Protein backbone atom coordinates (compact mmCIF):
# COMPACT_ATOMS: atom_id res chain seq x y z
CA MET A 1 35.54 -118.09 -117.09
CA ASP A 2 37.72 -120.85 -115.43
CA LEU A 3 41.39 -120.11 -116.15
CA VAL A 4 42.10 -123.73 -117.21
CA ILE A 5 39.36 -123.56 -119.80
CA GLU A 6 40.42 -120.21 -121.11
CA ALA A 7 44.02 -121.49 -121.25
CA LYS A 8 42.92 -124.55 -123.21
CA ARG A 9 40.94 -122.67 -125.67
CA TRP A 10 43.75 -120.22 -126.25
CA CYS A 11 46.39 -123.07 -126.67
CA TRP A 12 44.09 -124.99 -129.05
CA ALA A 13 43.46 -121.97 -131.06
CA HIS A 14 47.11 -121.46 -131.47
CA GLN A 15 47.77 -125.16 -132.47
CA ILE A 16 49.12 -126.30 -129.11
CA LYS A 17 47.83 -129.58 -127.86
CA ILE A 18 48.98 -131.45 -124.68
CA TYR A 19 48.02 -135.12 -124.19
CA PRO A 20 49.16 -138.29 -122.38
CA HIS A 21 51.25 -140.97 -124.04
CA PRO A 22 50.98 -144.45 -122.44
CA LEU A 23 54.33 -146.24 -121.70
CA ASN A 24 52.67 -149.63 -121.03
CA THR A 25 49.53 -151.49 -122.25
CA ASN A 26 47.44 -150.91 -119.31
CA GLY A 27 48.14 -147.09 -119.23
CA THR A 28 49.31 -146.89 -115.70
CA LYS A 29 52.53 -145.11 -116.69
CA LEU A 30 52.43 -142.15 -118.92
CA LYS A 31 54.42 -139.35 -120.26
CA ILE A 32 53.13 -136.11 -121.66
CA ILE A 33 53.43 -135.04 -125.30
CA ILE A 34 53.17 -131.30 -126.23
CA SER A 35 52.40 -130.62 -129.82
CA LYS A 36 52.78 -127.19 -131.50
CA ASN A 37 51.73 -126.97 -135.20
CA GLY A 38 52.26 -130.78 -135.47
CA ASN A 39 55.77 -130.80 -133.93
CA GLU A 40 55.58 -133.06 -131.03
CA GLY A 41 57.96 -133.23 -127.87
CA LEU A 42 57.83 -136.17 -125.47
CA GLY A 43 58.36 -135.05 -121.71
CA GLU A 44 60.93 -136.63 -119.49
CA ASN A 45 58.79 -137.19 -116.40
CA THR A 46 56.49 -140.27 -115.87
CA TYR A 47 53.07 -139.93 -114.43
CA SER A 48 50.25 -142.15 -113.13
CA LYS A 49 46.93 -142.14 -114.66
CA GLU A 50 45.55 -140.48 -111.46
CA ASN A 51 47.72 -137.40 -111.82
CA VAL A 52 48.52 -136.93 -115.43
CA PHE A 53 45.60 -134.73 -116.28
CA LYS A 54 46.38 -132.39 -113.35
CA LYS A 55 49.82 -131.87 -114.85
CA ILE A 56 48.49 -131.37 -118.39
CA ASN A 57 46.08 -128.60 -116.93
CA GLU A 58 49.00 -127.09 -115.18
CA LEU A 59 51.01 -127.06 -118.51
CA TYR A 60 48.18 -125.51 -120.38
CA THR A 61 47.80 -122.67 -117.72
CA THR A 62 51.58 -122.11 -117.67
CA ILE A 63 51.81 -121.71 -121.39
CA TYR A 64 48.87 -119.34 -121.39
CA GLU A 65 50.15 -117.23 -118.63
CA ARG A 66 53.51 -116.92 -120.21
CA GLN A 67 51.97 -115.81 -123.44
CA LEU A 68 50.02 -113.13 -121.63
CA THR A 69 53.17 -112.01 -119.87
CA ASN A 70 54.97 -111.87 -123.14
CA GLN A 71 52.12 -109.72 -124.74
CA LEU A 72 52.08 -107.38 -121.74
CA ASN A 73 55.78 -106.86 -121.95
CA SER A 74 55.87 -106.36 -125.72
CA ASN A 75 52.93 -103.93 -126.10
CA GLY A 76 52.02 -102.87 -122.60
CA LYS A 77 48.45 -104.01 -122.73
CA ARG A 78 46.69 -107.36 -122.61
CA THR A 79 45.31 -108.82 -125.62
CA ARG A 80 43.69 -112.35 -126.29
């Protein structure tokens, strides 16, 4: 399975959602919101509509991979 898809599925199952937040009416400048269990945090960086989803996919993958690393470190084997 594609890593990004696997990462998104894991994050969504754990109530982690990442999505763009427009800063202007035409949506050309965006920030990213990360929501975990309904608690939202607005990122500091600004993105264009052309590259915001690439960054969102990177964030999903990073969160997923960190969780896998934490699981490996805590119990010595990979679980999903």
